N, C-alpha and C. Protein backbone atom coordinates (compact mmCIF):
# COMPACT_ATOMS: atom_id res chain seq x y z
N MET A 1 221.13 145.23 188.38
CA MET A 1 221.43 144.60 187.12
C MET A 1 220.31 143.61 186.78
N ALA A 2 219.76 143.70 185.59
CA ALA A 2 218.70 142.79 185.15
C ALA A 2 219.32 141.48 184.69
N LEU A 3 218.63 140.41 184.98
CA LEU A 3 219.10 139.10 184.55
C LEU A 3 218.52 138.80 183.18
N ASP A 4 219.33 138.22 182.30
CA ASP A 4 218.87 137.87 180.96
C ASP A 4 218.16 136.54 180.96
N GLY A 5 217.18 136.41 180.09
CA GLY A 5 216.51 135.14 179.89
C GLY A 5 215.69 134.72 181.08
N PRO A 6 215.65 133.42 181.32
CA PRO A 6 214.76 132.89 182.36
C PRO A 6 215.35 132.93 183.77
N TYR A 7 216.48 133.56 183.96
CA TYR A 7 217.19 133.45 185.24
C TYR A 7 216.76 134.52 186.24
N SER A 8 215.58 134.38 186.80
CA SER A 8 215.10 135.31 187.81
C SER A 8 215.82 135.04 189.13
N SER A 9 215.74 135.99 190.04
CA SER A 9 216.37 135.78 191.34
C SER A 9 215.67 134.64 192.09
N GLU A 10 214.37 134.46 191.92
CA GLU A 10 213.65 133.35 192.55
C GLU A 10 214.16 132.01 192.02
N LEU A 11 214.34 131.93 190.73
CA LEU A 11 214.82 130.69 190.11
C LEU A 11 216.24 130.38 190.56
N LEU A 12 217.09 131.39 190.60
CA LEU A 12 218.47 131.18 191.04
C LEU A 12 218.54 130.79 192.51
N ALA A 13 217.63 131.32 193.33
CA ALA A 13 217.58 130.94 194.74
C ALA A 13 217.19 129.47 194.89
N LEU A 14 216.23 129.03 194.08
CA LEU A 14 215.86 127.61 194.10
C LEU A 14 217.05 126.74 193.70
N ALA A 15 217.74 127.16 192.64
CA ALA A 15 218.89 126.39 192.13
C ALA A 15 219.99 126.27 193.17
N ALA A 16 220.13 127.26 194.00
CA ALA A 16 221.20 127.28 195.00
C ALA A 16 220.87 126.49 196.26
N ASP A 17 219.63 126.05 196.40
CA ASP A 17 219.21 125.38 197.63
C ASP A 17 218.33 124.16 197.29
N ILE A 18 218.98 123.06 196.96
CA ILE A 18 218.27 121.83 196.58
C ILE A 18 218.27 120.88 197.77
N PRO A 19 217.10 120.59 198.32
CA PRO A 19 217.04 119.62 199.42
C PRO A 19 217.32 118.19 198.93
N HIS A 20 217.68 117.34 199.83
CA HIS A 20 217.84 115.90 199.61
C HIS A 20 218.97 115.55 198.63
N LEU A 21 220.00 116.39 198.57
CA LEU A 21 221.15 116.04 197.75
C LEU A 21 221.95 114.97 198.47
N GLY A 22 222.50 114.05 197.71
CA GLY A 22 223.34 113.01 198.28
C GLY A 22 222.77 111.63 198.09
N GLU A 23 223.57 110.66 198.45
CA GLU A 23 223.22 109.25 198.29
C GLU A 23 222.12 108.85 199.26
N LEU A 24 221.22 108.00 198.80
CA LEU A 24 220.17 107.44 199.64
C LEU A 24 220.48 105.98 199.88
N ALA A 25 220.53 105.58 201.15
CA ALA A 25 220.79 104.18 201.49
C ALA A 25 219.57 103.33 201.13
N ALA A 26 219.81 102.19 200.55
CA ALA A 26 218.79 101.19 200.22
C ALA A 26 217.57 101.74 199.49
N PRO A 27 217.79 102.39 198.34
CA PRO A 27 216.63 102.90 197.60
C PRO A 27 215.83 101.75 196.98
N HIS A 28 214.56 101.98 196.79
CA HIS A 28 213.70 101.01 196.09
C HIS A 28 213.76 101.24 194.58
N GLY A 29 214.07 102.46 194.18
CA GLY A 29 214.16 102.79 192.76
C GLY A 29 215.19 103.88 192.54
N ARG A 30 215.81 103.84 191.37
CA ARG A 30 216.84 104.83 191.04
C ARG A 30 216.83 105.02 189.52
N ALA A 31 216.91 106.29 189.08
CA ALA A 31 216.98 106.56 187.65
C ALA A 31 217.81 107.82 187.42
N ARG A 32 218.55 107.79 186.33
CA ARG A 32 219.37 108.93 185.93
C ARG A 32 218.91 109.35 184.54
N LYS A 33 218.71 110.66 184.39
CA LYS A 33 218.33 111.23 183.10
C LYS A 33 219.36 112.28 182.70
N ARG A 34 219.62 112.33 181.39
CA ARG A 34 220.62 113.25 180.85
C ARG A 34 220.03 114.00 179.68
N SER A 35 220.30 115.29 179.62
CA SER A 35 219.89 116.11 178.49
C SER A 35 220.93 116.01 177.39
N MET A 36 220.51 115.59 176.22
CA MET A 36 221.43 115.52 175.09
C MET A 36 221.76 116.92 174.56
N VAL A 37 220.95 117.90 174.91
CA VAL A 37 221.16 119.27 174.43
C VAL A 37 222.33 119.93 175.15
N CYS A 38 222.37 119.79 176.49
CA CYS A 38 223.38 120.52 177.25
C CYS A 38 224.27 119.64 178.13
N GLY A 39 223.94 118.36 178.24
CA GLY A 39 224.74 117.46 179.07
C GLY A 39 224.37 117.45 180.53
N SER A 40 223.35 118.21 180.93
CA SER A 40 222.90 118.18 182.33
C SER A 40 222.44 116.78 182.69
N GLU A 41 222.66 116.39 183.95
CA GLU A 41 222.24 115.09 184.45
C GLU A 41 221.61 115.22 185.82
N VAL A 42 220.57 114.43 186.04
CA VAL A 42 219.93 114.36 187.36
C VAL A 42 219.66 112.89 187.65
N GLU A 43 220.07 112.46 188.85
CA GLU A 43 219.73 111.12 189.31
C GLU A 43 218.82 111.26 190.52
N VAL A 44 217.77 110.46 190.53
CA VAL A 44 216.83 110.42 191.64
C VAL A 44 216.80 109.00 192.19
N ALA A 45 216.99 108.87 193.48
CA ALA A 45 216.84 107.60 194.18
C ALA A 45 215.75 107.82 195.23
N LEU A 46 214.86 106.84 195.36
CA LEU A 46 213.78 107.02 196.33
C LEU A 46 213.43 105.71 197.01
N ARG A 47 212.86 105.89 198.18
CA ARG A 47 212.38 104.75 198.95
C ARG A 47 210.91 105.02 199.26
N LEU A 48 210.09 103.99 199.15
CA LEU A 48 208.66 104.11 199.37
C LEU A 48 208.25 103.63 200.75
N ASP A 49 207.18 104.20 201.25
CA ASP A 49 206.62 103.72 202.52
C ASP A 49 205.61 102.61 202.21
N GLY A 50 204.91 102.12 203.21
CA GLY A 50 203.96 101.04 203.04
C GLY A 50 202.74 101.40 202.21
N ASP A 51 202.51 102.69 202.00
CA ASP A 51 201.38 103.15 201.18
C ASP A 51 201.82 103.55 199.78
N ASP A 52 203.02 103.15 199.38
CA ASP A 52 203.58 103.47 198.06
C ASP A 52 203.68 104.98 197.83
N ARG A 53 204.15 105.66 198.86
CA ARG A 53 204.43 107.09 198.75
C ARG A 53 205.92 107.29 199.05
N ILE A 54 206.48 108.35 198.52
CA ILE A 54 207.91 108.61 198.74
C ILE A 54 208.14 108.93 200.22
N GLU A 55 209.00 108.12 200.86
CA GLU A 55 209.33 108.39 202.27
C GLU A 55 210.75 108.94 202.40
N ALA A 56 211.60 108.67 201.42
CA ALA A 56 212.97 109.18 201.47
C ALA A 56 213.46 109.41 200.05
N LEU A 57 214.35 110.37 199.90
CA LEU A 57 214.80 110.81 198.59
C LEU A 57 216.28 111.15 198.65
N GLY A 58 217.00 110.80 197.61
CA GLY A 58 218.39 111.21 197.44
C GLY A 58 218.57 111.64 196.01
N MET A 59 219.29 112.73 195.80
CA MET A 59 219.47 113.24 194.44
C MET A 59 220.92 113.62 194.17
N ASP A 60 221.30 113.42 192.92
CA ASP A 60 222.57 113.91 192.40
C ASP A 60 222.21 114.80 191.23
N VAL A 61 222.52 116.08 191.33
CA VAL A 61 222.12 117.05 190.32
C VAL A 61 223.37 117.71 189.75
N GLN A 62 223.66 117.40 188.52
CA GLN A 62 224.77 118.01 187.79
C GLN A 62 224.15 118.69 186.58
N ALA A 63 223.55 119.84 186.82
CA ALA A 63 222.74 120.48 185.79
C ALA A 63 222.94 121.99 185.81
N CYS A 64 222.43 122.61 184.77
CA CYS A 64 222.43 124.06 184.69
C CYS A 64 221.46 124.61 185.75
N ALA A 65 221.40 125.92 185.87
CA ALA A 65 220.55 126.54 186.88
C ALA A 65 219.09 126.14 186.72
N LEU A 66 218.61 125.98 185.50
CA LEU A 66 217.21 125.62 185.29
C LEU A 66 216.94 124.19 185.74
N GLY A 67 217.86 123.28 185.42
CA GLY A 67 217.73 121.91 185.89
C GLY A 67 217.81 121.83 187.40
N GLN A 68 218.68 122.63 187.99
CA GLN A 68 218.81 122.67 189.44
C GLN A 68 217.54 123.22 190.09
N ALA A 69 216.98 124.28 189.51
CA ALA A 69 215.77 124.88 190.08
C ALA A 69 214.61 123.91 190.03
N ALA A 70 214.44 123.21 188.90
CA ALA A 70 213.36 122.23 188.80
C ALA A 70 213.57 121.08 189.78
N ALA A 71 214.82 120.63 189.93
CA ALA A 71 215.13 119.58 190.90
C ALA A 71 214.80 120.05 192.31
N SER A 72 215.05 121.30 192.59
CA SER A 72 214.75 121.86 193.90
C SER A 72 213.24 121.87 194.15
N VAL A 73 212.47 122.27 193.15
CA VAL A 73 211.01 122.26 193.30
C VAL A 73 210.52 120.83 193.56
N PHE A 74 211.06 119.89 192.79
CA PHE A 74 210.66 118.49 193.00
C PHE A 74 211.01 118.05 194.42
N ALA A 75 212.27 118.25 194.82
CA ALA A 75 212.74 117.75 196.12
C ALA A 75 211.99 118.39 197.29
N ARG A 76 211.59 119.63 197.18
CA ARG A 76 210.88 120.32 198.26
C ARG A 76 209.51 119.72 198.53
N SER A 77 208.92 119.08 197.52
CA SER A 77 207.54 118.62 197.65
C SER A 77 207.37 117.11 197.49
N ALA A 78 208.43 116.39 197.26
CA ALA A 78 208.33 114.97 196.91
C ALA A 78 207.95 114.05 198.07
N ILE A 79 208.43 114.33 199.27
CA ILE A 79 208.16 113.42 200.39
C ILE A 79 206.65 113.36 200.62
N GLY A 80 206.12 112.15 200.58
CA GLY A 80 204.69 111.94 200.76
C GLY A 80 203.93 111.82 199.45
N ALA A 81 204.59 112.09 198.32
CA ALA A 81 203.92 112.03 197.02
C ALA A 81 203.73 110.59 196.56
N GLY A 82 202.61 110.35 195.91
CA GLY A 82 202.34 109.06 195.29
C GLY A 82 202.72 109.09 193.82
N PHE A 83 202.69 107.92 193.20
CA PHE A 83 203.08 107.80 191.79
C PHE A 83 202.21 108.68 190.90
N ASP A 84 200.91 108.70 191.15
CA ASP A 84 200.02 109.51 190.31
C ASP A 84 200.37 110.99 190.40
N GLU A 85 200.71 111.46 191.59
CA GLU A 85 201.08 112.87 191.75
C GLU A 85 202.36 113.21 190.99
N VAL A 86 203.35 112.32 191.07
CA VAL A 86 204.61 112.56 190.37
C VAL A 86 204.37 112.52 188.86
N THR A 87 203.59 111.57 188.39
CA THR A 87 203.31 111.45 186.97
C THR A 87 202.53 112.67 186.46
N GLU A 88 201.50 113.07 187.20
CA GLU A 88 200.73 114.25 186.80
C GLU A 88 201.60 115.50 186.78
N ALA A 89 202.49 115.64 187.75
CA ALA A 89 203.38 116.80 187.78
C ALA A 89 204.34 116.77 186.60
N ALA A 90 204.92 115.61 186.32
CA ALA A 90 205.85 115.50 185.19
C ALA A 90 205.14 115.81 183.88
N ASP A 91 203.97 115.22 183.68
CA ASP A 91 203.22 115.47 182.44
C ASP A 91 202.75 116.93 182.36
N GLY A 92 202.27 117.45 183.48
CA GLY A 92 201.80 118.84 183.51
C GLY A 92 202.91 119.84 183.28
N PHE A 93 204.08 119.56 183.87
CA PHE A 93 205.24 120.45 183.68
C PHE A 93 205.66 120.45 182.22
N GLU A 94 205.71 119.27 181.61
CA GLU A 94 206.08 119.19 180.20
C GLU A 94 205.06 119.92 179.32
N ALA A 95 203.77 119.74 179.61
CA ALA A 95 202.73 120.44 178.85
C ALA A 95 202.82 121.95 179.05
N MET A 96 203.15 122.38 180.27
CA MET A 96 203.31 123.81 180.55
C MET A 96 204.42 124.39 179.69
N LEU A 97 205.54 123.67 179.62
CA LEU A 97 206.67 124.18 178.86
C LEU A 97 206.46 124.09 177.35
N LYS A 98 206.03 122.94 176.89
CA LYS A 98 206.02 122.68 175.44
C LYS A 98 204.73 123.05 174.73
N GLN A 99 203.61 123.11 175.48
CA GLN A 99 202.33 123.37 174.83
C GLN A 99 201.60 124.57 175.42
N GLY A 100 202.28 125.31 176.30
CA GLY A 100 201.64 126.48 176.90
C GLY A 100 200.54 126.13 177.89
N GLY A 101 200.58 124.91 178.44
CA GLY A 101 199.57 124.47 179.39
C GLY A 101 199.67 125.23 180.70
N PRO A 102 198.70 125.01 181.58
CA PRO A 102 198.71 125.71 182.87
C PRO A 102 199.80 125.18 183.79
N VAL A 103 200.12 125.97 184.79
CA VAL A 103 201.08 125.56 185.82
C VAL A 103 200.45 124.41 186.60
N PRO A 104 201.20 123.32 186.83
CA PRO A 104 200.66 122.24 187.66
C PRO A 104 200.24 122.77 189.03
N GLN A 105 199.16 122.21 189.52
CA GLN A 105 198.62 122.61 190.83
C GLN A 105 198.95 121.55 191.87
N GLY A 106 198.51 121.80 193.08
CA GLY A 106 198.72 120.83 194.14
C GLY A 106 200.13 120.85 194.69
N ARG A 107 200.61 119.69 195.03
CA ARG A 107 201.90 119.50 195.69
C ARG A 107 203.05 120.19 194.95
N PHE A 108 203.02 120.17 193.61
CA PHE A 108 204.13 120.71 192.83
C PHE A 108 203.82 122.06 192.18
N ALA A 109 202.96 122.84 192.81
CA ALA A 109 202.59 124.16 192.29
C ALA A 109 203.79 125.11 192.25
N GLY A 110 204.86 124.77 192.96
CA GLY A 110 206.08 125.58 192.92
C GLY A 110 206.70 125.65 191.54
N LEU A 111 206.23 124.80 190.63
CA LEU A 111 206.72 124.85 189.24
C LEU A 111 206.37 126.17 188.56
N ALA A 112 205.51 126.96 189.19
CA ALA A 112 205.19 128.28 188.65
C ALA A 112 206.45 129.12 188.47
N ALA A 113 207.45 128.89 189.31
CA ALA A 113 208.71 129.64 189.21
C ALA A 113 209.43 129.36 187.89
N LEU A 114 209.12 128.24 187.26
CA LEU A 114 209.77 127.87 186.00
C LEU A 114 208.90 128.14 184.77
N GLU A 115 207.79 128.81 184.96
CA GLU A 115 206.90 129.09 183.83
C GLU A 115 207.60 129.88 182.72
N VAL A 116 208.50 130.75 183.09
CA VAL A 116 209.23 131.56 182.12
C VAL A 116 210.06 130.71 181.16
N VAL A 117 210.41 129.50 181.55
CA VAL A 117 211.25 128.62 180.74
C VAL A 117 210.54 128.21 179.45
N ARG A 118 209.22 128.29 179.42
CA ARG A 118 208.49 127.89 178.21
C ARG A 118 208.96 128.69 176.99
N ASP A 119 209.47 129.90 177.20
CA ASP A 119 209.93 130.74 176.09
C ASP A 119 211.34 130.38 175.61
N TYR A 120 211.95 129.34 176.20
CA TYR A 120 213.31 128.93 175.86
C TYR A 120 213.33 127.43 175.58
N PRO A 121 212.84 127.01 174.41
CA PRO A 121 212.70 125.57 174.11
C PRO A 121 213.98 124.75 174.28
N ARG A 122 215.13 125.34 174.03
CA ARG A 122 216.37 124.59 174.18
C ARG A 122 216.69 124.30 175.65
N ARG A 123 215.97 124.90 176.56
CA ARG A 123 216.17 124.68 178.00
C ARG A 123 215.17 123.68 178.59
N HIS A 124 214.16 123.30 177.82
CA HIS A 124 213.12 122.41 178.34
C HIS A 124 213.69 121.08 178.83
N ALA A 125 214.56 120.48 178.05
CA ALA A 125 215.08 119.15 178.41
C ALA A 125 215.74 119.15 179.78
N SER A 126 216.54 120.15 180.06
CA SER A 126 217.23 120.21 181.35
C SER A 126 216.23 120.44 182.49
N ALA A 127 215.26 121.30 182.26
CA ALA A 127 214.28 121.59 183.30
C ALA A 127 213.44 120.36 183.66
N LEU A 128 213.22 119.47 182.71
CA LEU A 128 212.36 118.30 182.91
C LEU A 128 213.08 117.10 183.54
N LEU A 129 214.39 117.14 183.63
CA LEU A 129 215.16 115.97 184.06
C LEU A 129 214.73 115.38 185.39
N ALA A 130 214.60 116.18 186.42
CA ALA A 130 214.29 115.66 187.75
C ALA A 130 212.94 114.94 187.76
N PHE A 131 211.96 115.52 187.10
CA PHE A 131 210.63 114.90 187.10
C PHE A 131 210.61 113.62 186.28
N LYS A 132 211.33 113.60 185.17
CA LYS A 132 211.39 112.37 184.37
C LYS A 132 212.15 111.27 185.11
N ALA A 133 213.24 111.63 185.77
CA ALA A 133 214.00 110.64 186.55
C ALA A 133 213.16 110.14 187.72
N ALA A 134 212.45 111.03 188.38
CA ALA A 134 211.61 110.62 189.52
C ALA A 134 210.52 109.67 189.08
N ARG A 135 209.87 109.96 187.96
CA ARG A 135 208.81 109.07 187.48
C ARG A 135 209.37 107.68 187.17
N GLU A 136 210.55 107.63 186.53
CA GLU A 136 211.15 106.34 186.20
C GLU A 136 211.59 105.60 187.46
N ALA A 137 212.19 106.30 188.42
CA ALA A 137 212.62 105.66 189.66
C ALA A 137 211.41 105.13 190.43
N PHE A 138 210.33 105.89 190.43
CA PHE A 138 209.12 105.48 191.13
C PHE A 138 208.54 104.22 190.48
N ALA A 139 208.46 104.22 189.15
CA ALA A 139 207.94 103.04 188.44
C ALA A 139 208.81 101.82 188.73
N GLN A 140 210.11 102.02 188.75
CA GLN A 140 211.03 100.92 189.07
C GLN A 140 210.76 100.39 190.48
N ALA A 141 210.55 101.29 191.44
CA ALA A 141 210.29 100.88 192.81
C ALA A 141 208.98 100.10 192.91
N LEU A 142 207.97 100.55 192.21
CA LEU A 142 206.68 99.84 192.23
C LEU A 142 206.80 98.48 191.56
N ASP A 143 207.54 98.40 190.46
CA ASP A 143 207.76 97.12 189.78
C ASP A 143 208.49 96.14 190.69
N ALA A 144 209.51 96.63 191.39
CA ALA A 144 210.27 95.77 192.30
C ALA A 144 209.39 95.29 193.44
N ARG A 145 208.56 96.17 193.93
CA ARG A 145 207.66 95.79 195.03
C ARG A 145 206.66 94.74 194.55
N ALA A 146 206.13 94.91 193.35
CA ALA A 146 205.17 93.94 192.80
C ALA A 146 205.85 92.58 192.57
N ALA A 147 207.11 92.60 192.15
CA ALA A 147 207.84 91.35 191.91
C ALA A 147 208.12 90.60 193.21
N ASP A 148 208.22 91.35 194.31
CA ASP A 148 208.46 90.73 195.63
C ASP A 148 207.21 90.09 196.20
N GLY A 149 206.05 90.40 195.63
CA GLY A 149 204.81 89.84 196.13
C GLY A 149 204.23 90.64 197.28
N PRO A 150 203.08 90.24 197.76
CA PRO A 150 202.44 90.98 198.85
C PRO A 150 203.24 90.90 200.14
N ALA A 151 203.14 91.96 200.91
CA ALA A 151 203.83 92.02 202.19
C ALA A 151 203.20 91.04 203.17
N ALA A 152 204.01 90.53 204.06
CA ALA A 152 203.51 89.61 205.09
C ALA A 152 202.64 90.37 206.08
N PRO A 153 201.57 89.74 206.58
CA PRO A 153 200.68 90.43 207.55
C PRO A 153 201.36 90.66 208.87
C-alpha cells in the first residue's frame, strides 16, 4: 500500500522512535512551541556543558507524525551541538521547506528525510517546532549563564 503525501516509511519510523523523551532534571533552558495550524506542540529542555554545548536533553512531543519525525531528527543529533549549529539547522530547515533551499548539512543532515514536506506548506509549522523550541531554549540557557557571571576558576 502506498502512503499518501509526505508520510514515507522512513519518516514514520523516525516519528515512532524519538530519543530523549521525558522530563529533564535541572534544565538550563526550556521552551515550548505550538503550531497554530494544527495544534501540535513540542517542548525542549536542555542542559549545557562547560563549553556551551548541549549535554542533556528532555522533550515533550505532542505533534503529528511530521512534527514527531523532525523532533526525532533533532534529538538524535543534539547532544554535543552548540548554539550556532542549532541556529544554522533551524534556519536551514526553514529555508529548505519554505524557499526550496538545500538540505542542512553536518550534524543535522538527517533532515533530508523531511525534504518531501516542502511540498506541503500547511505542514511546515509542525515540522519546524522542535528546532524553533530548541533554539529558544538554548538562547534562554545562554542568557541565564551570562546573567550568572563567569564561572569560578
